C-alpha atoms as a PDB file:
ATOM      1  CA  ASN A   1     113.551 108.731  91.666  1.00  0.00           C
ATOM      2  CA  ASN A   2     117.166 108.910  90.570  1.00  0.00           C
ATOM      3  CA  GLN A   3     118.556 107.039  93.567  1.00  0.00           C
ATOM      4  CA  PHE A   4     119.848 103.489  93.363  1.00  0.00           C
ATOM      5  CA  CYS A   5     117.534 100.603  94.212  1.00  0.00           C
ATOM      6  CA  SER A   6     118.364  96.979  93.467  1.00  0.00           C
ATOM      7  CA  PHE A   7     114.675  96.233  92.739  1.00  0.00           C
ATOM      8  CA  LYS A   8     114.194  99.014  90.164  1.00  0.00           C
ATOM      9  CA  SER A   9     113.818  98.092  86.509  1.00  0.00           C
ATOM     10  CA  THR A  10     113.180 100.529  83.676  1.00  0.00           C
ATOM     11  CA  ILE A  11     111.074  99.623  80.661  1.00  0.00           C
ATOM     12  CA  GLY A  12     110.352 101.903  77.762  1.00  0.00           C
ATOM     13  CA  ILE A  13     110.382 102.294  74.024  1.00  0.00           C
ATOM     14  CA  ASP A  14     112.330 105.545  73.998  1.00  0.00           C
ATOM     15  CA  GLU A  15     113.639 108.164  76.449  1.00  0.00           C
ATOM     16  CA  LYS A  16     110.307 110.001  76.693  1.00  0.00           C
ATOM     17  CA  ARG A  17     108.175 106.949  77.488  1.00  0.00           C
ATOM     18  CA  LYS A  18     110.267 105.187  80.142  1.00  0.00           C
ATOM     19  CA  ARG A  19     108.476 103.696  83.156  1.00  0.00           C
ATOM     20  CA  GLN A  20     110.177 102.512  86.319  1.00  0.00           C
ATOM     21  CA  PHE A  21     108.889  99.332  87.923  1.00  0.00           C
ATOM     22  CA  CYS A  22     109.656  97.660  91.246  1.00  0.00           C
ATOM     23  CA  ARG A  23     110.500  93.952  91.367  1.00  0.00           C
ATOM     24  CA  ASN A  24     110.205  93.730  95.171  1.00  0.00           C
ATOM     25  CA  PRO A  25     107.788  90.892  96.054  1.00  0.00           C
ATOM     26  CA  TYR A  26     106.112  93.049  98.733  1.00  0.00           C
ATOM     27  CA  SER A  27     105.313  95.929  96.370  1.00  0.00           C
ATOM     28  CA  VAL A  28     101.564  96.556  96.097  1.00  0.00           C
ATOM     29  CA  THR A  29     101.480  98.561  92.867  1.00  0.00           C
ATOM     30  CA  GLY A  30     104.595  97.352  91.074  1.00  0.00           C
ATOM     31  CA  LEU A  31     105.602 100.946  90.326  1.00  0.00           C
ATOM     32  CA  CYS A  32     108.889 102.345  91.575  1.00  0.00           C
ATOM     33  CA  ASN A  33     108.359 105.618  93.426  1.00  0.00           C
ATOM     34  CA  LYS A  34     108.785 106.877  96.961  1.00  0.00           C
ATOM     35  CA  GLY A  35     105.132 106.610  97.964  1.00  0.00           C
ATOM     36  CA  THR A  36     104.715 102.956  97.002  1.00  0.00           C
ATOM     37  CA  CYS A  37     108.112 101.560  97.987  1.00  0.00           C
ATOM     38  CA  PRO A  38     107.996  98.855 100.679  1.00  0.00           C
ATOM     39  CA  LEU A  39     111.613  99.605 101.605  1.00  0.00           C
ATOM     40  CA  ALA A  40     111.202 103.367 102.062  1.00  0.00           C
ATOM     41  CA  ASN A  41     107.927 103.349 104.018  1.00  0.00           C
ATOM     42  CA  SER A  42     107.777 102.303 107.655  1.00  0.00           C
ATOM     43  CA  LYS A  43     103.991 101.907 107.488  1.00  0.00           C
ATOM     44  CA  TYR A  44     103.261  99.441 104.713  1.00  0.00           C
ATOM     45  CA  ALA A  45     101.032  96.454 104.019  1.00  0.00           C
ATOM     46  CA  THR A  46     100.570  94.079 101.118  1.00  0.00           C
ATOM     47  CA  ILE A  47      98.657  90.945 100.160  1.00  0.00           C
ATOM     48  CA  ARG A  48     100.354  87.837  98.805  1.00  0.00           C
ATOM     49  CA  GLU A  49      99.175  84.359  97.897  1.00  0.00           C
ATOM     50  CA  GLU A  50     101.268  81.403  99.035  1.00  0.00           C
ATOM     51  CA  ASP A  51     100.289  77.768  98.513  1.00  0.00           C
ATOM     52  CA  GLY A  52      96.685  78.709  97.763  1.00  0.00           C
ATOM     53  CA  LYS A  53      96.303  80.740 100.970  1.00  0.00           C
ATOM     54  CA  ILE A  54      96.004  84.515 101.044  1.00  0.00           C
ATOM     55  CA  HIS A  55      98.108  86.366 103.603  1.00  0.00           C
ATOM     56  CA  LEU A  56      98.189  89.995 104.662  1.00  0.00           C
ATOM     57  CA  TYR A  57     101.733  91.178 105.348  1.00  0.00           C
ATOM     58  CA  ILE A  58     102.064  94.220 107.599  1.00  0.00           C
ATOM     59  CA  LYS A  59     105.409  95.903 108.084  1.00  0.00           C
ATOM     60  CA  THR A  60     105.915  96.602 111.783  1.00  0.00           C
ATOM     61  CA  ILE A  61     108.520  99.250 112.516  1.00  0.00           C
ATOM     62  CA  GLU A  62     109.091  97.904 116.029  1.00  0.00           C
ATOM     63  CA  ARG A  63     110.702  94.862 114.434  1.00  0.00           C
ATOM     64  CA  ALA A  64     113.109  96.840 112.231  1.00  0.00           C
ATOM     65  CA  HIS A  65     116.120  95.635 114.197  1.00  0.00           C
ATOM     66  CA  THR A  66     115.332  92.041 113.163  1.00  0.00           C
ATOM     67  CA  PRO A  67     114.769  91.949 109.390  1.00  0.00           C
ATOM     68  CA  LYS A  68     113.687  88.314 109.552  1.00  0.00           C
ATOM     69  CA  ASN A  69     110.650  89.312 111.641  1.00  0.00           C
ATOM     70  CA  LEU A  70     109.977  92.674 109.979  1.00  0.00           C
ATOM     71  CA  TRP A  71     106.758  91.553 108.281  1.00  0.00           C
ATOM     72  CA  GLU A  72     103.794  90.345 110.336  1.00  0.00           C
ATOM     73  CA  LYS A  73     101.942  87.593 108.459  1.00  0.00           C
ATOM     74  CA  ILE A  74      98.142  87.372 108.911  1.00  0.00           C
ATOM     75  CA  LEU A  75      96.061  84.639 107.271  1.00  0.00           C
ATOM     76  CA  LEU A  76      92.949  86.016 105.548  1.00  0.00           C
ATOM     77  CA  SER A  77      89.653  84.188 105.247  1.00  0.00           C
ATOM     78  CA  ARG A  78      88.763  82.410 102.000  1.00  0.00           C
ATOM     79  CA  ASN A  79      85.385  84.186 102.078  1.00  0.00           C
ATOM     80  CA  TYR A  80      85.744  87.455 100.150  1.00  0.00           C
ATOM     81  CA  SER A  81      83.482  89.587 102.367  1.00  0.00           C
ATOM     82  CA  LYS A  82      85.144  88.303 105.555  1.00  0.00           C
ATOM     83  CA  ALA A  83      88.570  88.993 104.052  1.00  0.00           C
ATOM     84  CA  LEU A  84      87.527  92.578 103.254  1.00  0.00           C
ATOM     85  CA  ALA A  85      86.343  93.008 106.843  1.00  0.00           C
ATOM     86  CA  GLN A  86      89.680  91.664 108.093  1.00  0.00           C
ATOM     87  CA  LEU A  87      91.489  94.170 105.857  1.00  0.00           C
ATOM     88  CA  ASP A  88      89.432  97.033 107.275  1.00  0.00           C
ATOM     89  CA  GLU A  89      90.163  95.851 110.807  1.00  0.00           C
ATOM     90  CA  HIS A  90      93.927  95.421 110.427  1.00  0.00           C
ATOM     91  CA  LEU A  91      94.536  98.453 108.204  1.00  0.00           C
ATOM     92  CA  ALA A  92      92.379 100.913 110.157  1.00  0.00           C
ATOM     93  CA  TYR A  93      95.212 103.407 110.738  1.00  0.00           C
ATOM     94  CA  PHE A  94      96.908 103.121 107.345  1.00  0.00           C
ATOM     95  CA  PRO A  95      96.615 105.657 104.504  1.00  0.00           C
ATOM     96  CA  GLN A  96      93.401 105.297 102.492  1.00  0.00           C
ATOM     97  CA  ARG A  97      95.391 104.948  99.258  1.00  0.00           C
ATOM     98  CA  LEU A  98      97.198 101.867 100.607  1.00  0.00           C
ATOM     99  CA  ILE A  99      93.956 100.301 101.872  1.00  0.00           C
ATOM    100  CA  HIS A 100      92.332 100.777  98.463  1.00  0.00           C
ATOM    101  CA  ARG A 101      95.318  99.224  96.643  1.00  0.00           C
ATOM    102  CA  ASN A 102      95.269  96.199  98.942  1.00  0.00           C
ATOM    103  CA  LYS A 103      91.536  95.720  98.390  1.00  0.00           C
ATOM    104  CA  GLN A 104      92.132  95.848  94.643  1.00  0.00           C
ATOM    105  CA  ARG A 105      94.882  93.262  94.968  1.00  0.00           C
ATOM    106  CA  LEU A 106      92.598  90.995  97.036  1.00  0.00           C
ATOM    107  CA  SER A 107      89.945  91.257  94.301  1.00  0.00           C
ATOM    108  CA  LYS A 108      92.543  90.341  91.685  1.00  0.00           C
ATOM    109  CA  ILE A 109      93.697  87.267  93.606  1.00  0.00           C
END
């Protein structure tokens, strides 16, 4: 994790206890590493709240040539159990780790 990233920020008391965080708004975990980076992964999804509505953002690699349309925006239900079912439906072929993180983020919101 020694490469340059404009979203990386390092916080720590001393050299031994430094942590690297990601300030990218699409980051699910907030940690800066290769496995959780929305820029480095072609298969990525995150949950964000905008204007009181919860949206699932899925990065579609087919749209990589148009950065404006790179993220597919899906409105989730206000009902928690229906929203979880929608997550399972849309993220069926994603890594289990990413699905779990998104469910945790939905619970937090």
